[in-house]
Amino acid sequence: MTIFNNYEVWFVIGSQHLYGPEALRQVTQHAEHVVNALNAEAKLPCKLVLKPLGTSPDEITHICRDANYDDKCAGLVVWLHTFSPAKMWINGLSILNKPLLQFHTQFNAALPWDSIDMDFMNLNQTAHGGREFGFIGARMRQQHAVVTGHWQDKQAHQRIGSWMRQAVSKQDTRQLKVVRFGDNMREVAVTDGDKVAAQIKFGFSVNTWAVGDLVQVVNEISDGDVNALVDEYESSYRLTAAAQVNGDKRQNVLDAARIELGMKRFLEQGGFHAFTTTFEDLHGLKQLPGLAVQRLMQQGYGFAGEGDWKTAALLRIMKVMSTGLQGGTSFMEDYTYHFEDGNDLVLGSHMLEVCPSIAVDEKPILDVQHLGIGGKADPARLIFNTRTGPAINASLIDLGDRFRLLENCVDAVETQHSLPKLPVANALWKAQPDLATAS
């Protein structure tokens, strides 16, 4: 069961009555065949649901209106099987508030050279109808995606699947609630921003709860629940001597487990799927939530440090989009550089909070080490190296009159040296095309 099971995508065929009932019957048969095949063979994250043909302005408007009010509908895939005059689509598209994709395909792959006639041409004119639809989309400034290719083509399947992930993520974001435990890190600019503008633009809400509200829930966690979670730690991670039973930091592990259980209960009770903390606002907590945050990120929650609600929301969005795919997503901070001619590198990490979904395929180390900021007890954390390969750095920032999404393609590389005095998870990457351009 994943978030994609909660949604479906409507498959809408555009046509018109000009070609007669027999043509519309064939269009319907083709549509049923294509939808059944895509659901069975294309490995799409969401189920496609075929809707009645759109052959008039009223029919099309009715479909778009129904899509808006159906919570399960993540978006519309439109196929212009025949020519479908685009003025019929204006009213429907003008009210549509769900993601839209035009599938620019046709039922046959090859032309029947020896038998092709005007009946065939009229029935199979996506090449014509799709351009008409594309024009009205451009004329109305209607944001929509276009996938071109035969419906049996695997690249077309992949592109539709990718769009579906975006569509579902958009619906999830419209109801996303972000909680900030405490406020922004003092005097920091980039992590702050206009929360009202963000909710208007993206749909997610951001509100602050006092750390004391979280502490109250943490303190209600039973010892039995704590011990059960620590047993899970024992089976999932390699505990250092200090973190093991009778180790001098064992109590810190128990405290970290209690914080994790309290945070998760708070998030579940409030319907939150993203959150922030800051080391300057930990009153009542015994340690900075490190292990707790790492494990909650791995479960799909968005997170960012120092009150950075934009990055927390962005991480949740990316986790939803990538559900079921190989690889992982994590909160990360560009920390320090390695300058070398032709091999400039960036070492990324944070104080503690890096998601294990990007870890190498071995059990992470669970350790308790001193943290020089925050003024609390030594926090528990997972320590690991990250997988290598292509990756993306992304950041959402508020520029006052607009939001800007920054992206940089990078190559995560293997760390060639041990880091004996850096007891935190980390990643090393090479920016593309080079560090000077990327920065």
Protein backbone atom coordinates (compact mmCIF):
# COMPACT_ATOMS: atom_id res chain seq x y z
CA MET A 1 0.00 0.00 0.00
CA THR A 2 1.46 3.36 -1.07
CA ILE A 3 0.10 6.86 -1.43
CA PHE A 4 -0.56 6.14 -5.11
CA ASN A 5 -3.28 3.66 -4.13
CA ASN A 6 -5.26 6.61 -2.80
CA TYR A 7 -5.49 8.23 -6.23
CA GLU A 8 -6.50 7.54 -9.81
CA VAL A 9 -5.94 9.36 -13.08
CA TRP A 10 -8.81 9.91 -15.49
CA PHE A 11 -8.34 9.01 -19.14
CA VAL A 12 -10.43 11.28 -21.37
CA ILE A 13 -10.91 10.86 -25.11
CA GLY A 14 -11.63 13.90 -27.23
CA SER A 15 -13.71 13.49 -30.38
CA GLN A 16 -16.85 14.92 -32.00
CA HIS A 17 -20.08 13.70 -33.62
CA LEU A 18 -19.04 14.79 -37.11
CA TYR A 19 -17.77 11.33 -38.01
CA GLY A 20 -20.91 9.40 -37.06
CA PRO A 21 -21.79 6.77 -34.44
CA GLU A 22 -19.67 3.99 -35.96
CA ALA A 23 -16.52 6.09 -35.65
CA LEU A 24 -17.34 6.92 -32.03
CA ARG A 25 -17.93 3.24 -31.33
CA GLN A 26 -14.48 2.42 -32.66
CA VAL A 27 -12.96 5.27 -30.66
CA THR A 28 -14.52 3.85 -27.50
CA GLN A 29 -13.22 0.36 -28.28
CA HIS A 30 -9.73 1.69 -28.89
CA ALA A 31 -9.82 3.69 -25.67
CA GLU A 32 -10.90 0.68 -23.62
CA HIS A 33 -8.15 -1.43 -25.15
CA VAL A 34 -5.46 1.18 -24.54
CA VAL A 35 -6.48 1.86 -20.94
CA ASN A 36 -6.64 -1.84 -20.10
CA ALA A 37 -3.23 -2.41 -21.66
CA LEU A 38 -1.62 0.54 -19.90
CA ASN A 39 -3.00 -0.55 -16.54
CA ALA A 40 -1.76 -4.10 -17.09
CA GLU A 41 1.61 -3.54 -18.73
CA ALA A 42 2.93 0.00 -18.32
CA LYS A 43 3.87 -0.24 -14.61
CA LEU A 44 2.16 3.08 -13.93
CA PRO A 45 2.05 4.19 -10.28
CA CYS A 46 -1.67 5.07 -10.51
CA LYS A 47 -4.65 3.35 -12.03
CA LEU A 48 -6.06 4.87 -15.21
CA VAL A 49 -9.85 5.21 -15.21
CA LEU A 50 -11.57 5.63 -18.57
CA LYS A 51 -14.25 8.33 -18.63
CA PRO A 52 -17.03 8.81 -21.20
CA LEU A 53 -16.07 10.38 -24.52
CA GLY A 54 -15.81 14.16 -24.63
CA THR A 55 -17.69 15.09 -27.79
CA SER A 56 -19.39 18.37 -26.83
CA PRO A 57 -18.69 21.44 -24.67
CA ASP A 58 -21.17 20.28 -22.02
CA GLU A 59 -19.69 16.77 -21.80
CA ILE A 60 -16.16 18.10 -21.50
CA THR A 61 -17.10 20.72 -18.91
CA HIS A 62 -18.94 18.08 -16.89
CA ILE A 63 -15.86 15.84 -16.86
CA CYS A 64 -13.59 18.70 -15.75
CA ARG A 65 -16.03 19.77 -13.04
CA ASP A 66 -16.28 16.22 -11.72
CA ALA A 67 -12.49 15.91 -11.70
CA ASN A 68 -12.17 19.02 -9.57
CA TYR A 69 -14.50 17.66 -6.90
CA ASP A 70 -13.31 14.06 -6.83
CA ASP A 71 -10.61 13.75 -4.17
CA LYS A 72 -9.34 10.52 -5.72
CA CYS A 73 -8.72 12.14 -9.10
CA ALA A 74 -5.08 13.24 -9.33
CA GLY A 75 -5.31 14.55 -12.86
CA LEU A 76 -6.48 14.07 -16.45
CA VAL A 77 -4.80 12.36 -19.39
CA VAL A 78 -6.41 13.54 -22.63
CA TRP A 79 -6.12 11.71 -25.95
CA LEU A 80 -7.44 13.45 -29.05
CA HIS A 81 -8.29 10.31 -31.02
CA THR A 82 -10.05 12.18 -33.81
CA PHE A 83 -10.15 15.87 -34.47
CA SER A 84 -11.87 17.56 -31.51
CA PRO A 85 -12.56 21.27 -32.08
CA ALA A 86 -10.81 23.05 -29.25
CA LYS A 87 -13.45 25.68 -28.57
CA MET A 88 -15.40 22.79 -27.04
CA TRP A 89 -12.65 22.53 -24.41
CA ILE A 90 -12.46 26.17 -23.33
CA ASN A 91 -15.05 26.14 -20.55
CA GLY A 92 -13.82 22.85 -19.13
CA LEU A 93 -10.15 23.80 -19.17
CA SER A 94 -10.92 27.22 -17.71
CA ILE A 95 -12.28 25.63 -14.51
CA LEU A 96 -9.98 22.60 -14.33
CA ASN A 97 -7.71 22.75 -11.29
CA LYS A 98 -6.15 19.30 -11.61
CA PRO A 99 -2.94 18.47 -13.51
CA LEU A 100 -3.38 17.84 -17.22
CA LEU A 101 -1.43 15.74 -19.71
CA GLN A 102 -2.03 15.39 -23.44
CA PHE A 103 -1.12 11.89 -24.63
CA HIS A 104 -0.21 12.50 -28.26
CA THR A 105 -0.63 8.95 -29.53
CA GLN A 106 -2.73 6.90 -31.92
CA PHE A 107 -4.12 3.39 -31.85
CA ASN A 108 -2.12 2.00 -34.76
CA ALA A 109 1.64 2.20 -34.80
CA ALA A 110 2.25 1.68 -38.53
CA LEU A 111 0.23 3.07 -41.38
CA PRO A 112 -1.77 0.46 -43.35
CA TRP A 113 -0.28 1.57 -46.64
CA ASP A 114 -2.38 -0.65 -48.91
CA SER A 115 -5.75 -0.07 -47.25
CA ILE A 116 -5.62 3.44 -45.85
CA ASP A 117 -8.62 5.54 -46.86
CA MET A 118 -10.38 8.69 -45.67
CA ASP A 119 -12.37 6.77 -43.06
CA PHE A 120 -9.09 5.67 -41.51
CA MET A 121 -7.70 9.20 -41.77
CA ASN A 122 -10.72 10.72 -40.02
CA LEU A 123 -10.71 8.10 -37.29
CA ASN A 124 -6.99 8.30 -36.51
CA GLN A 125 -5.98 11.95 -36.60
CA THR A 126 -4.23 12.62 -33.32
CA ALA A 127 -1.61 14.39 -35.42
CA HIS A 128 -4.29 16.95 -36.30
CA GLY A 129 -6.46 16.95 -33.18
CA GLY A 130 -3.50 17.12 -30.85
CA ARG A 131 -2.24 20.30 -32.45
CA GLU A 132 -5.67 21.90 -32.12
CA PHE A 133 -5.72 20.96 -28.44
CA GLY A 134 -2.16 22.20 -28.01
CA PHE A 135 -3.11 25.54 -29.49
CA ILE A 136 -6.00 26.16 -27.11
CA GLY A 137 -3.81 25.14 -24.19
CA ALA A 138 -1.20 27.67 -25.23
CA ARG A 139 -3.82 30.30 -25.99
CA MET A 140 -5.36 29.88 -22.51
CA ARG A 141 -1.91 29.75 -20.85
CA GLN A 142 -3.01 26.35 -19.55
CA GLN A 143 -0.09 24.55 -17.92
CA HIS A 144 -0.03 20.97 -19.16
CA ALA A 145 2.39 18.24 -20.10
CA VAL A 146 2.63 16.49 -23.46
CA VAL A 147 3.80 12.91 -23.99
CA THR A 148 4.27 11.88 -27.62
CA GLY A 149 4.64 8.27 -28.71
CA HIS A 150 2.76 5.06 -29.36
CA TRP A 151 0.82 3.75 -26.39
CA GLN A 152 2.92 0.57 -26.36
CA ASP A 153 6.20 2.48 -26.22
CA LYS A 154 8.07 2.01 -22.92
CA GLN A 155 9.51 5.52 -22.99
CA ALA A 156 5.98 6.90 -23.23
CA HIS A 157 5.02 4.71 -20.27
CA GLN A 158 7.90 6.09 -18.23
CA ARG A 159 7.02 9.68 -19.03
CA ILE A 160 3.36 9.17 -18.16
CA GLY A 161 4.40 7.46 -14.94
CA SER A 162 6.69 10.34 -14.05
CA TRP A 163 3.88 12.83 -14.67
CA MET A 164 1.54 10.75 -12.51
CA ARG A 165 4.02 11.01 -9.65
CA GLN A 166 4.04 14.78 -10.02
CA ALA A 167 0.25 14.90 -10.18
CA VAL A 168 -0.18 12.84 -7.01
CA SER A 169 2.47 14.88 -5.24
CA LYS A 170 0.62 18.07 -6.17
CA GLN A 171 -2.59 16.75 -4.63
CA ASP A 172 -0.71 15.67 -1.50
CA THR A 173 0.94 19.09 -1.27
CA ARG A 174 -2.42 20.85 -1.36
CA GLN A 175 -3.26 19.20 1.96
CA LEU A 176 0.24 19.09 3.42
CA LYS A 177 0.61 20.44 6.95
CA VAL A 178 4.08 21.49 8.12
CA VAL A 179 4.76 21.92 11.83
CA ARG A 180 7.67 23.95 13.14
CA PHE A 181 8.87 22.95 16.58
CA GLY A 182 10.08 26.34 17.68
CA ASP A 183 10.96 29.17 15.34
CA ASN A 184 13.64 29.99 12.81
CA MET A 185 17.32 29.92 13.71
CA ARG A 186 18.04 33.42 14.94
CA GLU A 187 19.33 35.93 12.40
CA VAL A 188 19.24 33.45 9.49
CA ALA A 189 17.64 34.78 6.31
CA VAL A 190 17.37 32.03 3.71
CA THR A 191 15.39 29.62 5.88
CA ASP A 192 12.69 32.22 6.53
CA GLY A 193 10.01 33.45 4.15
CA ASP A 194 6.37 34.29 3.52
CA LYS A 195 4.27 31.38 4.74
CA VAL A 196 1.01 32.94 3.55
CA ALA A 197 2.38 33.36 0.02
CA ALA A 198 3.60 29.77 0.07
CA GLN A 199 0.18 28.45 1.02
CA ILE A 200 -1.46 30.49 -1.73
CA LYS A 201 1.09 29.30 -4.29
CA PHE A 202 1.65 25.67 -3.31
CA GLY A 203 -1.17 24.74 -0.96
CA PHE A 204 0.79 23.57 2.08
CA SER A 205 0.22 25.24 5.45
CA VAL A 206 2.96 26.07 7.96
CA ASN A 207 2.34 26.64 11.66
CA THR A 208 4.44 26.68 14.81
CA TRP A 209 4.00 24.68 17.99
CA ALA A 210 5.97 25.37 21.13
CA VAL A 211 8.61 22.78 21.92
CA GLY A 212 6.86 22.36 25.26
CA ASP A 213 3.83 20.92 23.44
CA LEU A 214 6.10 18.29 21.92
CA VAL A 215 7.81 17.63 25.24
CA GLN A 216 4.47 16.89 26.86
CA VAL A 217 3.77 14.17 24.30
CA VAL A 218 7.32 12.80 24.58
CA ASN A 219 6.98 12.46 28.35
CA GLU A 220 3.76 10.46 27.93
CA ILE A 221 5.53 7.64 26.07
CA SER A 222 5.69 4.46 28.13
CA ASP A 223 8.90 2.63 29.04
CA GLY A 224 7.52 -0.46 27.34
CA ASP A 225 7.16 1.36 24.03
CA VAL A 226 10.66 2.78 24.39
CA ASN A 227 12.17 -0.65 25.05
CA ALA A 228 10.34 -2.14 22.06
CA LEU A 229 11.72 0.56 19.77
CA VAL A 230 15.24 0.09 21.12
CA ASP A 231 14.91 -3.62 20.32
CA GLU A 232 14.22 -2.53 16.74
CA TYR A 233 17.36 -0.39 16.85
CA GLU A 234 19.33 -3.44 17.98
CA SER A 235 18.24 -5.48 14.97
CA SER A 236 18.53 -2.68 12.40
CA TYR A 237 21.83 -1.01 13.28
CA ARG A 238 25.34 -1.68 14.52
CA LEU A 239 25.41 -0.16 18.00
CA THR A 240 28.73 1.08 19.30
CA ALA A 241 29.89 -0.11 22.70
CA ALA A 242 28.72 3.12 24.31
CA ALA A 243 25.21 2.64 22.89
CA GLN A 244 24.82 -1.01 23.84
CA VAL A 245 23.33 -2.42 27.04
CA ASN A 246 25.47 -1.30 30.00
CA GLY A 247 27.27 1.18 27.75
CA ASP A 248 27.94 4.60 29.23
CA LYS A 249 25.61 6.24 26.66
CA ARG A 250 22.80 3.69 26.78
CA GLN A 251 20.44 6.13 28.49
CA ASN A 252 20.95 8.57 25.64
CA VAL A 253 19.70 5.89 23.23
CA LEU A 254 16.62 5.34 25.40
CA ASP A 255 16.00 9.08 25.48
CA ALA A 256 16.35 9.27 21.69
CA ALA A 257 13.81 6.48 21.28
CA ARG A 258 11.36 8.28 23.54
CA ILE A 259 11.78 11.47 21.49
CA GLU A 260 11.18 9.55 18.26
CA LEU A 261 7.98 7.98 19.57
CA GLY A 262 6.77 11.31 20.91
CA MET A 263 7.50 13.14 17.68
CA LYS A 264 5.75 10.51 15.59
CA ARG A 265 2.70 10.55 17.85
CA PHE A 266 2.57 14.35 17.68
CA LEU A 267 2.84 14.30 13.88
CA GLU A 268 0.18 11.62 13.50
CA GLN A 269 -2.24 13.29 15.89
CA GLY A 270 -1.89 16.61 14.07
CA GLY A 271 -1.95 15.20 10.54
CA PHE A 272 1.51 16.64 9.84
CA HIS A 273 3.76 15.15 7.16
CA ALA A 274 6.66 17.61 7.40
CA PHE A 275 8.37 19.34 10.32
CA THR A 276 11.33 21.43 11.40
CA THR A 277 13.45 21.79 14.51
CA THR A 278 16.19 24.17 15.56
CA PHE A 279 19.05 23.59 17.98
CA GLU A 280 18.35 27.00 19.55
CA ASP A 281 14.89 25.95 20.71
CA LEU A 282 15.07 22.63 22.58
CA HIS A 283 13.65 23.58 25.97
CA GLY A 284 12.53 20.44 27.78
CA LEU A 285 14.08 17.96 25.34
CA LYS A 286 17.04 16.01 26.66
CA GLN A 287 18.90 16.07 23.35
CA LEU A 288 18.66 17.41 19.83
CA PRO A 289 16.41 15.05 17.85
CA GLY A 290 18.88 13.36 15.53
CA LEU A 291 18.12 9.67 15.34
CA ALA A 292 14.40 10.44 15.54
CA VAL A 293 14.55 12.81 12.59
CA GLN A 294 16.61 10.40 10.51
CA ARG A 295 14.14 7.58 11.00
CA LEU A 296 11.08 9.77 10.43
CA MET A 297 12.52 11.01 7.15
CA GLN A 298 13.02 7.41 6.10
CA GLN A 299 9.32 6.82 6.79
CA GLY A 300 8.35 9.58 4.34
CA TYR A 301 8.20 12.72 6.48
CA GLY A 302 9.68 15.94 5.18
CA PHE A 303 12.21 17.65 7.44
CA ALA A 304 14.64 20.53 7.53
CA GLY A 305 16.73 22.05 10.28
CA GLU A 306 16.72 25.55 11.74
CA GLY A 307 13.05 26.16 11.03
CA ASP A 308 13.44 25.85 7.26
CA TRP A 309 9.81 25.04 6.43
CA LYS A 310 10.31 25.46 2.66
CA THR A 311 12.89 22.69 2.51
CA ALA A 312 10.83 20.48 4.83
CA ALA A 313 7.86 20.80 2.48
CA LEU A 314 10.05 20.26 -0.58
CA LEU A 315 11.50 17.08 0.90
CA ARG A 316 8.00 15.73 1.55
CA ILE A 317 7.05 16.56 -2.05
CA MET A 318 10.10 14.71 -3.37
CA LYS A 319 9.50 11.73 -1.11
CA VAL A 320 5.96 11.39 -2.41
CA MET A 321 7.09 11.64 -6.03
CA SER A 322 9.84 9.05 -5.54
CA THR A 323 7.78 6.48 -3.63
CA GLY A 324 8.67 3.01 -4.86
CA LEU A 325 11.65 4.12 -6.95
CA GLN A 326 15.26 3.15 -6.39
CA GLY A 327 17.44 5.63 -4.55
CA GLY A 328 16.46 7.99 -1.79
CA THR A 329 15.88 11.57 -0.73
CA SER A 330 17.23 13.48 2.24
CA PHE A 331 17.61 16.83 3.88
CA MET A 332 21.16 17.95 3.20
CA GLU A 333 23.39 20.96 3.64
CA ASP A 334 26.35 21.99 1.50
CA TYR A 335 28.91 22.07 4.27
CA THR A 336 32.46 22.43 3.01
CA TYR A 337 34.56 22.22 -0.16
CA HIS A 338 37.47 20.16 -1.41
CA PHE A 339 39.27 22.25 -4.00
CA GLU A 340 41.43 20.25 -6.40
CA ASP A 341 42.26 21.04 -10.00
CA GLY A 342 39.67 19.23 -12.11
CA ASN A 343 38.13 17.51 -9.11
CA ASP A 344 36.33 20.08 -6.96
CA LEU A 345 34.06 18.33 -4.46
CA VAL A 346 31.39 19.25 -1.92
CA LEU A 347 31.04 17.51 1.43
CA GLY A 348 27.42 17.60 2.51
CA SER A 349 25.98 16.72 5.88
CA HIS A 350 24.23 18.34 8.80
CA MET A 351 24.63 18.17 12.53
CA LEU A 352 22.90 14.78 12.59
CA GLU A 353 19.88 14.74 10.29
CA VAL A 354 20.63 12.82 7.10
CA CYS A 355 18.07 10.28 5.87
CA PRO A 356 19.15 6.60 5.76
CA SER A 357 17.29 6.18 2.46
CA ILE A 358 20.47 7.38 0.73
CA ALA A 359 22.81 5.15 2.77
CA VAL A 360 25.04 2.45 1.31
CA ASP A 361 23.76 -1.11 1.57
CA GLU A 362 25.07 -1.97 5.00
CA LYS A 363 23.73 -1.50 8.49
CA PRO A 364 24.32 2.07 9.70
CA ILE A 365 26.20 2.63 12.92
CA LEU A 366 24.15 3.88 15.86
CA ASP A 367 26.36 5.96 18.11
CA VAL A 368 26.13 8.69 20.74
CA GLN A 369 28.65 11.50 20.45
CA HIS A 370 29.12 14.99 21.80
CA LEU A 371 27.47 17.87 19.92
CA GLY A 372 29.05 21.24 20.48
CA ILE A 373 25.90 23.30 19.95
CA GLY A 374 22.44 23.11 21.45
CA GLY A 375 23.53 22.83 25.07
CA LYS A 376 21.90 19.44 25.60
CA ALA A 377 23.00 15.89 26.32
CA ASP A 378 24.98 14.01 23.70
CA PRO A 379 22.53 12.99 20.95
CA ALA A 380 22.14 9.61 19.30
CA ARG A 381 22.58 9.43 15.55
CA LEU A 382 23.00 7.06 12.63
CA ILE A 383 26.36 7.22 10.88
CA PHE A 384 26.77 5.99 7.31
CA ASN A 385 28.24 6.77 3.93
CA THR A 386 25.90 7.43 1.04
CA ARG A 387 25.42 5.65 -2.26
CA THR A 388 27.20 6.89 -5.34
CA GLY A 389 25.71 7.87 -8.68
CA PRO A 390 23.74 10.69 -10.29
CA ALA A 391 21.72 12.87 -7.93
CA ILE A 392 19.93 16.21 -7.75
CA ASN A 393 20.35 19.03 -5.26
CA ALA A 394 17.19 21.11 -4.91
CA SER A 395 16.27 24.13 -2.81
CA LEU A 396 13.17 26.32 -2.64
CA ILE A 397 13.79 29.96 -1.73
CA ASP A 398 11.61 33.03 -1.23
CA LEU A 399 12.72 36.07 -3.25
CA GLY A 400 9.94 38.33 -2.02
CA ASP A 401 7.92 38.71 -5.20
CA ARG A 402 8.25 35.05 -6.17
CA PHE A 403 9.54 31.68 -5.10
CA ARG A 404 12.47 30.14 -6.93
CA LEU A 405 13.36 26.47 -7.22
CA LEU A 406 17.10 25.92 -7.54
CA GLU A 407 18.35 22.62 -8.93
CA ASN A 408 21.79 21.24 -9.67
CA CYS A 409 22.65 17.86 -11.13
CA VAL A 410 25.51 16.27 -9.22
CA ASP A 411 27.41 13.00 -9.09
CA ALA A 412 27.66 11.46 -5.65
CA VAL A 413 31.12 9.95 -5.33
CA GLU A 414 32.81 7.60 -2.92
CA THR A 415 34.66 9.13 -0.01
CA GLN A 416 38.27 8.05 -0.44
CA HIS A 417 39.24 8.81 3.13
CA SER A 418 37.91 7.79 6.51
CA LEU A 419 36.48 10.55 8.69
CA PRO A 420 37.35 9.35 12.20
CA LYS A 421 36.56 12.66 13.86
CA LEU A 422 33.33 13.39 11.98
CA PRO A 423 30.72 11.09 13.56
CA VAL A 424 27.80 12.04 11.30
CA ALA A 425 26.28 10.73 8.10
CA ASN A 426 27.65 12.55 5.08
CA ALA A 427 27.66 12.67 1.30
CA LEU A 428 30.38 13.71 -1.12
CA TRP A 429 29.48 14.96 -4.57
CA LYS A 430 30.82 16.59 -7.70
CA ALA A 431 28.68 19.39 -9.06
CA GLN A 432 27.81 19.47 -12.76
CA PRO A 433 28.96 20.87 -15.07
CA ASP A 434 31.47 22.21 -12.55
CA LEU A 435 31.49 23.81 -9.13
CA ALA A 436 32.03 27.33 -10.46
CA THR A 437 28.88 27.16 -12.58
CA ALA A 438 26.83 25.29 -10.00
CA SER A 439 27.60 27.71 -7.20
